[in-house]
Amino acid sequence: MPPSSGTVTYKKNGKDIESDAVYQYVSIATPYMDLVDEFRLSEQFRFHFTLRKSRNGLSVEQLLKEISMADIGHKYIGNLSSGMKQRVKLALALFTEADAIFLDEPGTNLDEKAFGWYLRQLGKIPSQCLVFIASNQSREYPSDAVIVDITSFK
């Protein structure tokens, strides 16, 4: 969305990034982000990682193992539970090579096991990557997070 006033500039290593290209440097996961219901789980990852680079060069099979879904890679996204879909969205965001990751209410629909997985994955994000977490649930933030209350901005 363009700024209502002023200008926004994007830079990496001192070089300008065109606003049309910023998407190449960020990844995002939100509870209301759509996945392609007609894709099989493995197809969703293949499709995504033909457009974006995987953070660790993991194969689709390795990614499925990493999210504990190796045995259901053949299932359609539309047949997954809301918690499974949230895990897929988080995996897409966290395993995509990006300089900034935006997570909106990342723990939504996750059971305790999946929530633990989410927290462990946050700990694996490289320190030079900026992670924004928007949530009212303090447990969704890592213990060493710098928390900024945006209600104080004017």
C-alpha atoms as a PDB file:
ATOM      1  CA  MET A   1       0.000   0.000   0.000  1.00  0.00           C
ATOM      2  CA  PRO A   2       1.490   3.364  -0.928  1.00  0.00           C
ATOM      3  CA  PRO A   3       2.145   5.841   1.898  1.00  0.00           C
ATOM      4  CA  SER A   4      -0.575   8.451   2.509  1.00  0.00           C
ATOM      5  CA  SER A   5       2.149  11.095   2.733  1.00  0.00           C
ATOM      6  CA  GLY A   6       5.905  11.294   2.481  1.00  0.00           C
ATOM      7  CA  THR A   7       8.050   8.710   0.794  1.00  0.00           C
ATOM      8  CA  VAL A   8       9.214   5.209   1.585  1.00  0.00           C
ATOM      9  CA  THR A   9      12.545   3.977   0.310  1.00  0.00           C
ATOM     10  CA  TYR A  10      13.808   0.429   0.392  1.00  0.00           C
ATOM     11  CA  LYS A  11      17.495  -0.398   0.519  1.00  0.00           C
ATOM     12  CA  LYS A  12      19.674  -3.441   0.940  1.00  0.00           C
ATOM     13  CA  ASN A  13      23.396  -3.092   1.486  1.00  0.00           C
ATOM     14  CA  GLY A  14      23.113   0.571   0.514  1.00  0.00           C
ATOM     15  CA  LYS A  15      21.457  -0.175  -2.827  1.00  0.00           C
ATOM     16  CA  ASP A  16      17.951   0.994  -3.669  1.00  0.00           C
ATOM     17  CA  ILE A  17      15.228  -1.609  -4.102  1.00  0.00           C
ATOM     18  CA  GLU A  18      12.314  -0.710  -6.341  1.00  0.00           C
ATOM     19  CA  SER A  19       8.981  -0.869  -4.515  1.00  0.00           C
ATOM     20  CA  ASP A  20       7.767  -3.424  -7.083  1.00  0.00           C
ATOM     21  CA  ALA A  21      10.609  -5.764  -6.046  1.00  0.00           C
ATOM     22  CA  VAL A  22      10.273  -5.554  -2.244  1.00  0.00           C
ATOM     23  CA  TYR A  23       8.239  -8.785  -2.176  1.00  0.00           C
ATOM     24  CA  GLN A  24      11.446 -10.656  -3.035  1.00  0.00           C
ATOM     25  CA  TYR A  25      12.903  -9.718   0.359  1.00  0.00           C
ATOM     26  CA  VAL A  26       9.975 -10.501   2.660  1.00  0.00           C
ATOM     27  CA  SER A  27       7.816 -13.448   3.613  1.00  0.00           C
ATOM     28  CA  ILE A  28       4.534 -13.463   5.505  1.00  0.00           C
ATOM     29  CA  ALA A  29       2.160 -15.788   7.324  1.00  0.00           C
ATOM     30  CA  THR A  30      -1.282 -14.800   8.539  1.00  0.00           C
ATOM     31  CA  PRO A  31      -4.219 -16.927   9.676  1.00  0.00           C
ATOM     32  CA  TYR A  32      -6.367 -15.562   6.844  1.00  0.00           C
ATOM     33  CA  MET A  33      -3.781 -16.004   4.100  1.00  0.00           C
ATOM     34  CA  ASP A  34      -5.156 -18.275   1.414  1.00  0.00           C
ATOM     35  CA  LEU A  35      -3.538 -21.484   0.294  1.00  0.00           C
ATOM     36  CA  VAL A  36      -4.587 -23.275  -2.884  1.00  0.00           C
ATOM     37  CA  ASP A  37      -7.133 -25.846  -1.652  1.00  0.00           C
ATOM     38  CA  GLU A  38      -6.876 -27.786  -4.924  1.00  0.00           C
ATOM     39  CA  PHE A  39      -3.136 -28.341  -4.495  1.00  0.00           C
ATOM     40  CA  ARG A  40      -1.799 -31.383  -2.746  1.00  0.00           C
ATOM     41  CA  LEU A  41       0.421 -30.436   0.185  1.00  0.00           C
ATOM     42  CA  SER A  42       3.593 -31.369  -1.721  1.00  0.00           C
ATOM     43  CA  GLU A  43       2.387 -29.356  -4.733  1.00  0.00           C
ATOM     44  CA  GLN A  44       1.904 -26.270  -2.559  1.00  0.00           C
ATOM     45  CA  PHE A  45       5.555 -26.396  -1.502  1.00  0.00           C
ATOM     46  CA  ARG A  46       6.800 -27.157  -5.037  1.00  0.00           C
ATOM     47  CA  PHE A  47       4.809 -24.263  -6.454  1.00  0.00           C
ATOM     48  CA  HIS A  48       5.958 -21.819  -3.779  1.00  0.00           C
ATOM     49  CA  PHE A  49       9.611 -22.764  -4.031  1.00  0.00           C
ATOM     50  CA  THR A  50       9.668 -22.437  -7.805  1.00  0.00           C
ATOM     51  CA  LEU A  51       8.871 -18.755  -7.211  1.00  0.00           C
ATOM     52  CA  ARG A  52      10.987 -18.181  -4.091  1.00  0.00           C
ATOM     53  CA  LYS A  53      14.239 -19.647  -2.818  1.00  0.00           C
ATOM     54  CA  SER A  54      14.208 -21.967   0.188  1.00  0.00           C
ATOM     55  CA  ARG A  55      16.137 -20.604   3.182  1.00  0.00           C
ATOM     56  CA  ASN A  56      18.113 -23.768   3.779  1.00  0.00           C
ATOM     57  CA  GLY A  57      17.865 -25.369   0.341  1.00  0.00           C
ATOM     58  CA  LEU A  58      15.555 -28.043   1.720  1.00  0.00           C
ATOM     59  CA  SER A  59      13.737 -30.310  -0.712  1.00  0.00           C
ATOM     60  CA  VAL A  60       9.966 -30.666  -0.583  1.00  0.00           C
ATOM     61  CA  GLU A  61      10.369 -34.039   1.101  1.00  0.00           C
ATOM     62  CA  GLN A  62      12.671 -32.530   3.741  1.00  0.00           C
ATOM     63  CA  LEU A  63      10.230 -29.669   4.331  1.00  0.00           C
ATOM     64  CA  LEU A  64       7.372 -32.110   4.807  1.00  0.00           C
ATOM     65  CA  LYS A  65       9.446 -34.005   7.373  1.00  0.00           C
ATOM     66  CA  GLU A  66      10.390 -30.741   9.085  1.00  0.00           C
ATOM     67  CA  ILE A  67       6.711 -29.925   9.664  1.00  0.00           C
ATOM     68  CA  SER A  68       5.829 -33.523  10.603  1.00  0.00           C
ATOM     69  CA  MET A  69       3.633 -34.002   7.533  1.00  0.00           C
ATOM     70  CA  ALA A  70       5.766 -36.359   5.427  1.00  0.00           C
ATOM     71  CA  ASP A  71       3.039 -39.004   5.498  1.00  0.00           C
ATOM     72  CA  ILE A  72       0.312 -36.675   4.171  1.00  0.00           C
ATOM     73  CA  GLY A  73       2.107 -34.843   1.344  1.00  0.00           C
ATOM     74  CA  HIS A  74      -0.390 -36.409  -1.071  1.00  0.00           C
ATOM     75  CA  LYS A  75      -3.431 -34.863   0.670  1.00  0.00           C
ATOM     76  CA  TYR A  76      -5.212 -31.839  -0.728  1.00  0.00           C
ATOM     77  CA  ILE A  77      -4.762 -28.567   1.161  1.00  0.00           C
ATOM     78  CA  GLY A  78      -8.561 -28.222   1.303  1.00  0.00           C
ATOM     79  CA  ASN A  79      -8.742 -31.429   3.369  1.00  0.00           C
ATOM     80  CA  LEU A  80      -6.261 -30.302   6.032  1.00  0.00           C
ATOM     81  CA  SER A  81      -7.316 -29.062   9.459  1.00  0.00           C
ATOM     82  CA  SER A  82      -6.967 -25.375  10.294  1.00  0.00           C
ATOM     83  CA  GLY A  83      -3.961 -26.171  12.492  1.00  0.00           C
ATOM     84  CA  MET A  84      -2.241 -28.073   9.689  1.00  0.00           C
ATOM     85  CA  LYS A  85      -2.896 -25.209   7.276  1.00  0.00           C
ATOM     86  CA  GLN A  86      -1.407 -22.753   9.771  1.00  0.00           C
ATOM     87  CA  ARG A  87       1.710 -24.932  10.061  1.00  0.00           C
ATOM     88  CA  VAL A  88       2.018 -24.902   6.256  1.00  0.00           C
ATOM     89  CA  LYS A  89       1.687 -21.099   6.169  1.00  0.00           C
ATOM     90  CA  LEU A  90       4.326 -20.732   8.863  1.00  0.00           C
ATOM     91  CA  ALA A  91       6.648 -23.134   7.061  1.00  0.00           C
ATOM     92  CA  LEU A  92       6.266 -21.198   3.817  1.00  0.00           C
ATOM     93  CA  ALA A  93       7.176 -17.961   5.621  1.00  0.00           C
ATOM     94  CA  LEU A  94       9.936 -19.317   7.849  1.00  0.00           C
ATOM     95  CA  PHE A  95      11.664 -21.460   5.211  1.00  0.00           C
ATOM     96  CA  THR A  96      11.613 -18.847   2.458  1.00  0.00           C
ATOM     97  CA  GLU A  97      14.859 -16.945   1.917  1.00  0.00           C
ATOM     98  CA  ALA A  98      13.872 -13.471   3.115  1.00  0.00           C
ATOM     99  CA  ASP A  99      15.404 -10.526   4.946  1.00  0.00           C
ATOM    100  CA  ALA A 100      12.179  -9.786   6.837  1.00  0.00           C
ATOM    101  CA  ILE A 101       9.445 -12.137   8.035  1.00  0.00           C
ATOM    102  CA  PHE A 102       6.012 -10.890   9.042  1.00  0.00           C
ATOM    103  CA  LEU A 103       3.947 -13.196  11.258  1.00  0.00           C
ATOM    104  CA  ASP A 104       0.414 -12.229  12.210  1.00  0.00           C
ATOM    105  CA  GLU A 105      -0.953 -14.234  15.141  1.00  0.00           C
ATOM    106  CA  PRO A 106       1.332 -17.167  14.321  1.00  0.00           C
ATOM    107  CA  GLY A 107      -0.019 -19.475  17.029  1.00  0.00           C
ATOM    108  CA  THR A 108      -3.571 -19.400  15.695  1.00  0.00           C
ATOM    109  CA  ASN A 109      -5.059 -22.920  15.482  1.00  0.00           C
ATOM    110  CA  LEU A 110      -1.804 -24.622  16.545  1.00  0.00           C
ATOM    111  CA  ASP A 111      -1.926 -27.423  19.103  1.00  0.00           C
ATOM    112  CA  GLU A 112       0.808 -27.538  21.771  1.00  0.00           C
ATOM    113  CA  LYS A 113       3.110 -29.772  19.722  1.00  0.00           C
ATOM    114  CA  ALA A 114       2.852 -27.530  16.658  1.00  0.00           C
ATOM    115  CA  PHE A 115       3.264 -24.432  18.826  1.00  0.00           C
ATOM    116  CA  GLY A 116       6.512 -25.856  20.203  1.00  0.00           C
ATOM    117  CA  TRP A 117       7.634 -26.496  16.621  1.00  0.00           C
ATOM    118  CA  TYR A 118       6.878 -22.842  15.767  1.00  0.00           C
ATOM    119  CA  LEU A 119       8.978 -21.554  18.689  1.00  0.00           C
ATOM    120  CA  ARG A 120      11.884 -23.856  17.759  1.00  0.00           C
ATOM    121  CA  GLN A 121      11.776 -22.593  14.163  1.00  0.00           C
ATOM    122  CA  LEU A 122      11.930 -18.988  15.345  1.00  0.00           C
ATOM    123  CA  GLY A 123      15.163 -19.855  17.131  1.00  0.00           C
ATOM    124  CA  LYS A 124      16.651 -21.077  13.845  1.00  0.00           C
ATOM    125  CA  ILE A 125      16.056 -17.851  11.920  1.00  0.00           C
ATOM    126  CA  PRO A 126      19.395 -16.158  11.113  1.00  0.00           C
ATOM    127  CA  SER A 127      20.140 -13.178  13.341  1.00  0.00           C
ATOM    128  CA  GLN A 128      20.390 -10.794  10.370  1.00  0.00           C
ATOM    129  CA  CYS A 129      16.753 -11.550   9.453  1.00  0.00           C
ATOM    130  CA  LEU A 130      14.183  -9.165  10.898  1.00  0.00           C
ATOM    131  CA  VAL A 131      11.079 -10.874  12.284  1.00  0.00           C
ATOM    132  CA  PHE A 132       7.874  -8.947  12.992  1.00  0.00           C
ATOM    133  CA  ILE A 133       5.275 -10.727  15.108  1.00  0.00           C
ATOM    134  CA  ALA A 134       1.849  -9.151  15.514  1.00  0.00           C
ATOM    135  CA  SER A 135      -0.008 -10.769  18.370  1.00  0.00           C
ATOM    136  CA  ASN A 136      -1.778 -10.101  21.652  1.00  0.00           C
ATOM    137  CA  GLN A 137      -0.480 -13.420  22.981  1.00  0.00           C
ATOM    138  CA  SER A 138       2.891 -12.981  24.709  1.00  0.00           C
ATOM    139  CA  ARG A 139       3.679 -16.687  24.358  1.00  0.00           C
ATOM    140  CA  GLU A 140       3.940 -16.199  20.584  1.00  0.00           C
ATOM    141  CA  TYR A 141       7.063 -14.064  21.079  1.00  0.00           C
ATOM    142  CA  PRO A 142      10.461 -15.629  21.739  1.00  0.00           C
ATOM    143  CA  SER A 143      11.838 -14.930  25.211  1.00  0.00           C
ATOM    144  CA  ASP A 144      14.545 -12.594  23.852  1.00  0.00           C
ATOM    145  CA  ALA A 145      12.158 -10.572  21.661  1.00  0.00           C
ATOM    146  CA  VAL A 146      12.232  -6.799  21.591  1.00  0.00           C
ATOM    147  CA  ILE A 147       8.591  -5.867  22.071  1.00  0.00           C
ATOM    148  CA  VAL A 148       7.309  -2.561  20.717  1.00  0.00           C
ATOM    149  CA  ASP A 149       3.841  -1.357  21.660  1.00  0.00           C
ATOM    150  CA  ILE A 150       2.636   0.305  18.460  1.00  0.00           C
ATOM    151  CA  THR A 151      -0.280   1.950  20.276  1.00  0.00           C
ATOM    152  CA  SER A 152       2.277   4.462  21.598  1.00  0.00           C
ATOM    153  CA  PHE A 153       3.125   5.681  18.062  1.00  0.00           C
ATOM    154  CA  LYS A 154       1.346   8.730  16.713  1.00  0.00           C
END
